[in-house]
Amino acid sequence: MVRLPLTSEEVERGQRLGALLRRARGGRSMLETALDARVSPETLRKIESGRVATPAFQTIAAIADVLGLSLDAVWAAMNQPEPGVEPAGSGRNASERLAS
């Protein structure tokens, strides 16, 4: 499978997702969170650091559930542009595209 390069909007969304998960995890260990969500600690680390900008829906859902986050809240936080930063484009295709 050939993956298309990520757009800057997708990279920024991945970084916002990672920041949200780190904040929600708080003092809870990454290992404990990952094991409870049934994902590898390496996967969680990559998501939190923004290295995996488009994680699978099931992965996000599992981590969000463990952290007590609603998927609506995760989606809103991922797609909320930083204050004072103008979006690069309409983002319609990027925001409609689900990650695999």
N, C-alpha and C. Protein backbone atom coordinates (compact mmCIF):
# COMPACT_ATOMS: atom_id res chain seq x y z
N MET A 1 0.84 -1.17 0.00
CA MET A 1 0.00 0.00 0.00
C MET A 1 0.90 1.24 0.00
N VAL A 2 0.60 2.16 -0.87
CA VAL A 2 1.34 3.40 -0.95
C VAL A 2 0.59 4.46 -0.16
N ARG A 3 1.29 5.11 0.75
CA ARG A 3 0.67 6.18 1.55
C ARG A 3 1.05 7.52 0.95
N LEU A 4 0.07 8.38 0.82
CA LEU A 4 0.33 9.74 0.37
C LEU A 4 0.98 10.52 1.50
N PRO A 5 1.83 11.48 1.17
CA PRO A 5 2.42 12.30 2.23
C PRO A 5 1.34 13.05 2.99
N LEU A 6 1.57 13.27 4.26
CA LEU A 6 0.60 13.99 5.07
C LEU A 6 0.63 15.47 4.73
N THR A 7 -0.54 16.07 4.77
CA THR A 7 -0.61 17.52 4.58
C THR A 7 -0.20 18.19 5.89
N SER A 8 0.12 19.47 5.81
CA SER A 8 0.48 20.20 7.03
C SER A 8 -0.69 20.21 8.00
N GLU A 9 -1.91 20.24 7.48
CA GLU A 9 -3.10 20.21 8.36
C GLU A 9 -3.20 18.89 9.10
N GLU A 10 -2.90 17.79 8.43
CA GLU A 10 -2.95 16.48 9.07
C GLU A 10 -1.87 16.37 10.16
N VAL A 11 -0.70 16.90 9.87
CA VAL A 11 0.38 16.88 10.86
C VAL A 11 -0.03 17.70 12.09
N GLU A 12 -0.61 18.88 11.86
CA GLU A 12 -1.04 19.73 12.98
C GLU A 12 -2.15 19.05 13.79
N ARG A 13 -3.07 18.39 13.12
CA ARG A 13 -4.14 17.66 13.84
C ARG A 13 -3.54 16.56 14.69
N GLY A 14 -2.55 15.85 14.15
CA GLY A 14 -1.88 14.80 14.92
C GLY A 14 -1.18 15.35 16.14
N GLN A 15 -0.58 16.51 16.00
CA GLN A 15 0.08 17.14 17.15
C GLN A 15 -0.94 17.57 18.20
N ARG A 16 -2.09 18.09 17.76
CA ARG A 16 -3.14 18.46 18.72
C ARG A 16 -3.69 17.23 19.43
N LEU A 17 -3.85 16.13 18.69
CA LEU A 17 -4.31 14.88 19.30
C LEU A 17 -3.33 14.42 20.36
N GLY A 18 -2.05 14.42 20.02
CA GLY A 18 -1.02 13.98 20.97
C GLY A 18 -1.03 14.83 22.23
N ALA A 19 -1.14 16.14 22.07
CA ALA A 19 -1.17 17.05 23.23
C ALA A 19 -2.40 16.79 24.09
N LEU A 20 -3.54 16.55 23.45
CA LEU A 20 -4.77 16.26 24.20
C LEU A 20 -4.61 14.98 25.02
N LEU A 21 -4.08 13.94 24.42
CA LEU A 21 -3.93 12.67 25.12
C LEU A 21 -2.93 12.79 26.27
N ARG A 22 -1.84 13.52 26.07
CA ARG A 22 -0.87 13.72 27.15
C ARG A 22 -1.52 14.45 28.32
N ARG A 23 -2.29 15.51 28.03
CA ARG A 23 -2.96 16.26 29.10
C ARG A 23 -3.97 15.37 29.82
N ALA A 24 -4.74 14.60 29.06
CA ALA A 24 -5.77 13.75 29.66
C ALA A 24 -5.16 12.64 30.49
N ARG A 25 -3.99 12.16 30.08
CA ARG A 25 -3.33 11.08 30.83
C ARG A 25 -2.82 11.59 32.17
N GLY A 26 -2.47 12.86 32.24
CA GLY A 26 -2.01 13.46 33.50
C GLY A 26 -0.85 12.70 34.09
N GLY A 27 -0.99 12.30 35.36
CA GLY A 27 0.06 11.59 36.06
C GLY A 27 0.05 10.09 35.83
N ARG A 28 -0.91 9.61 35.09
CA ARG A 28 -1.00 8.17 34.82
C ARG A 28 0.15 7.77 33.89
N SER A 29 0.74 6.63 34.12
CA SER A 29 1.89 6.23 33.31
C SER A 29 1.45 5.86 31.90
N MET A 30 2.38 6.08 30.98
CA MET A 30 2.13 5.74 29.58
C MET A 30 1.93 4.23 29.45
N LEU A 31 2.72 3.45 30.18
CA LEU A 31 2.62 2.00 30.12
C LEU A 31 1.24 1.53 30.57
N GLU A 32 0.79 2.02 31.72
CA GLU A 32 -0.52 1.63 32.24
C GLU A 32 -1.63 2.01 31.26
N THR A 33 -1.56 3.22 30.73
CA THR A 33 -2.58 3.68 29.79
C THR A 33 -2.60 2.81 28.54
N ALA A 34 -1.42 2.56 27.99
CA ALA A 34 -1.34 1.75 26.77
C ALA A 34 -1.87 0.34 27.00
N LEU A 35 -1.46 -0.27 28.09
CA LEU A 35 -1.92 -1.64 28.37
C LEU A 35 -3.43 -1.69 28.58
N ASP A 36 -3.98 -0.71 29.29
CA ASP A 36 -5.42 -0.67 29.50
C ASP A 36 -6.19 -0.48 28.19
N ALA A 37 -5.58 0.26 27.25
CA ALA A 37 -6.22 0.50 25.95
C ALA A 37 -5.92 -0.62 24.95
N ARG A 38 -5.07 -1.56 25.37
CA ARG A 38 -4.67 -2.68 24.52
C ARG A 38 -3.96 -2.22 23.24
N VAL A 39 -3.09 -1.22 23.43
CA VAL A 39 -2.19 -0.78 22.36
C VAL A 39 -0.78 -0.85 22.94
N SER A 40 0.20 -0.89 22.07
CA SER A 40 1.56 -0.96 22.58
C SER A 40 1.97 0.40 23.14
N PRO A 41 2.83 0.38 24.16
CA PRO A 41 3.34 1.64 24.68
C PRO A 41 4.04 2.47 23.60
N GLU A 42 4.70 1.80 22.67
CA GLU A 42 5.36 2.50 21.56
C GLU A 42 4.35 3.23 20.68
N THR A 43 3.21 2.60 20.43
CA THR A 43 2.16 3.25 19.64
C THR A 43 1.65 4.49 20.36
N LEU A 44 1.38 4.37 21.64
CA LEU A 44 0.91 5.52 22.41
C LEU A 44 1.97 6.62 22.43
N ARG A 45 3.22 6.25 22.59
CA ARG A 45 4.30 7.24 22.60
C ARG A 45 4.36 7.99 21.28
N LYS A 46 4.24 7.26 20.17
CA LYS A 46 4.30 7.88 18.85
C LYS A 46 3.10 8.81 18.62
N ILE A 47 1.93 8.40 19.08
CA ILE A 47 0.74 9.24 18.92
C ILE A 47 0.90 10.51 19.76
N GLU A 48 1.31 10.34 21.02
CA GLU A 48 1.45 11.50 21.90
C GLU A 48 2.53 12.47 21.41
N SER A 49 3.54 11.96 20.75
CA SER A 49 4.61 12.83 20.26
C SER A 49 4.28 13.43 18.90
N GLY A 50 3.18 13.00 18.29
CA GLY A 50 2.79 13.51 16.98
C GLY A 50 3.45 12.79 15.82
N ARG A 51 4.21 11.74 16.11
CA ARG A 51 4.88 10.99 15.04
C ARG A 51 3.91 10.15 14.23
N VAL A 52 2.78 9.79 14.82
CA VAL A 52 1.71 9.10 14.09
C VAL A 52 0.56 10.10 14.02
N ALA A 53 0.51 10.83 12.93
CA ALA A 53 -0.48 11.91 12.80
C ALA A 53 -1.87 11.39 12.49
N THR A 54 -1.97 10.18 11.94
CA THR A 54 -3.27 9.64 11.56
C THR A 54 -3.44 8.22 12.10
N PRO A 55 -3.56 8.08 13.42
CA PRO A 55 -3.74 6.73 13.97
C PRO A 55 -5.10 6.16 13.59
N ALA A 56 -5.21 4.86 13.67
CA ALA A 56 -6.46 4.17 13.35
C ALA A 56 -7.57 4.61 14.31
N PHE A 57 -8.78 4.66 13.80
CA PHE A 57 -9.92 5.06 14.60
C PHE A 57 -10.05 4.20 15.86
N GLN A 58 -9.89 2.88 15.71
CA GLN A 58 -10.03 1.98 16.85
C GLN A 58 -9.00 2.29 17.93
N THR A 59 -7.82 2.69 17.52
CA THR A 59 -6.77 3.03 18.47
C THR A 59 -7.14 4.28 19.25
N ILE A 60 -7.59 5.30 18.53
CA ILE A 60 -8.02 6.54 19.20
C ILE A 60 -9.18 6.25 20.14
N ALA A 61 -10.15 5.47 19.66
CA ALA A 61 -11.32 5.16 20.48
C ALA A 61 -10.93 4.43 21.76
N ALA A 62 -10.02 3.48 21.66
CA ALA A 62 -9.60 2.71 22.84
C ALA A 62 -8.88 3.59 23.85
N ILE A 63 -7.98 4.44 23.36
CA ILE A 63 -7.23 5.32 24.27
C ILE A 63 -8.17 6.34 24.90
N ALA A 64 -9.05 6.91 24.09
CA ALA A 64 -10.01 7.89 24.61
C ALA A 64 -10.89 7.27 25.69
N ASP A 65 -11.32 6.03 25.48
CA ASP A 65 -12.16 5.35 26.47
C ASP A 65 -11.42 5.18 27.79
N VAL A 66 -10.18 4.76 27.72
CA VAL A 66 -9.37 4.56 28.93
C VAL A 66 -9.17 5.88 29.67
N LEU A 67 -9.03 6.96 28.92
CA LEU A 67 -8.78 8.26 29.53
C LEU A 67 -10.06 9.01 29.89
N GLY A 68 -11.22 8.40 29.58
CA GLY A 68 -12.49 9.04 29.91
C GLY A 68 -12.85 10.20 29.00
N LEU A 69 -12.33 10.19 27.78
CA LEU A 69 -12.62 11.24 26.81
C LEU A 69 -13.70 10.77 25.85
N SER A 70 -14.62 11.65 25.52
CA SER A 70 -15.61 11.30 24.50
C SER A 70 -14.97 11.49 23.13
N LEU A 71 -15.42 10.71 22.17
CA LEU A 71 -14.88 10.86 20.82
C LEU A 71 -15.25 12.23 20.24
N ASP A 72 -16.39 12.78 20.65
CA ASP A 72 -16.75 14.13 20.21
C ASP A 72 -15.72 15.15 20.70
N ALA A 73 -15.30 15.01 21.94
CA ALA A 73 -14.30 15.93 22.50
C ALA A 73 -12.96 15.77 21.80
N VAL A 74 -12.58 14.54 21.50
CA VAL A 74 -11.32 14.29 20.80
C VAL A 74 -11.37 14.90 19.41
N TRP A 75 -12.47 14.67 18.70
CA TRP A 75 -12.62 15.20 17.33
C TRP A 75 -12.57 16.73 17.35
N ALA A 76 -13.27 17.33 18.29
CA ALA A 76 -13.30 18.80 18.38
C ALA A 76 -11.90 19.35 18.67
N ALA A 77 -11.18 18.73 19.59
CA ALA A 77 -9.84 19.20 19.94
C ALA A 77 -8.86 19.02 18.77
N MET A 78 -8.99 17.94 18.04
CA MET A 78 -8.11 17.69 16.91
C MET A 78 -8.32 18.70 15.80
N ASN A 79 -9.53 19.15 15.63
CA ASN A 79 -9.86 20.00 14.51
C ASN A 79 -9.99 21.47 14.86
N GLN A 80 -9.66 21.81 16.09
CA GLN A 80 -9.71 23.21 16.52
C GLN A 80 -8.38 23.87 16.20
N PRO A 81 -8.38 24.84 15.27
CA PRO A 81 -7.11 25.49 14.96
C PRO A 81 -6.59 26.29 16.13
N GLU A 82 -5.29 26.45 16.17
CA GLU A 82 -4.67 27.24 17.23
C GLU A 82 -5.14 28.68 17.11
N PRO A 83 -5.39 29.34 18.23
CA PRO A 83 -5.84 30.73 18.16
C PRO A 83 -4.82 31.61 17.43
N GLY A 84 -5.34 32.43 16.51
CA GLY A 84 -4.49 33.36 15.78
C GLY A 84 -3.75 32.75 14.61
N VAL A 85 -3.96 31.45 14.34
CA VAL A 85 -3.30 30.81 13.21
C VAL A 85 -4.33 30.59 12.12
N GLU A 86 -4.05 31.12 10.96
CA GLU A 86 -4.96 30.98 9.82
C GLU A 86 -4.78 29.60 9.20
N PRO A 87 -5.89 28.86 8.95
CA PRO A 87 -5.76 27.55 8.32
C PRO A 87 -5.10 27.65 6.95
N ALA A 88 -4.35 26.63 6.58
CA ALA A 88 -3.63 26.63 5.31
C ALA A 88 -4.57 26.54 4.12
N GLY A 89 -5.71 25.92 4.29
CA GLY A 89 -6.69 25.77 3.20
C GLY A 89 -8.02 25.41 3.79
N SER A 90 -8.95 25.06 2.93
CA SER A 90 -10.28 24.72 3.43
C SER A 90 -10.25 23.48 4.31
N GLY A 91 -9.34 22.54 4.00
CA GLY A 91 -9.20 21.34 4.82
C GLY A 91 -10.32 20.35 4.66
N ARG A 92 -11.20 20.57 3.70
CA ARG A 92 -12.36 19.70 3.58
C ARG A 92 -11.94 18.25 3.38
N ASN A 93 -11.06 18.00 2.42
CA ASN A 93 -10.63 16.61 2.18
C ASN A 93 -9.89 16.04 3.37
N ALA A 94 -9.04 16.83 3.99
CA ALA A 94 -8.27 16.34 5.13
C ALA A 94 -9.16 16.02 6.30
N SER A 95 -10.17 16.85 6.56
CA SER A 95 -11.01 16.62 7.73
C SER A 95 -12.00 15.48 7.51
N GLU A 96 -12.29 15.19 6.25
CA GLU A 96 -13.23 14.10 5.97
C GLU A 96 -12.53 12.76 5.88
N ARG A 97 -11.21 12.78 5.69
CA ARG A 97 -10.47 11.55 5.50
C ARG A 97 -10.23 10.87 6.83
N LEU A 98 -10.59 9.62 6.93
CA LEU A 98 -10.32 8.85 8.14
C LEU A 98 -9.02 8.10 7.97
N ALA A 99 -8.31 7.99 9.03
CA ALA A 99 -7.02 7.32 9.00
C ALA A 99 -7.20 5.81 9.06
N SER A 100 -6.20 5.14 8.57
CA SER A 100 -6.22 3.68 8.67
C SER A 100 -5.15 3.22 9.61
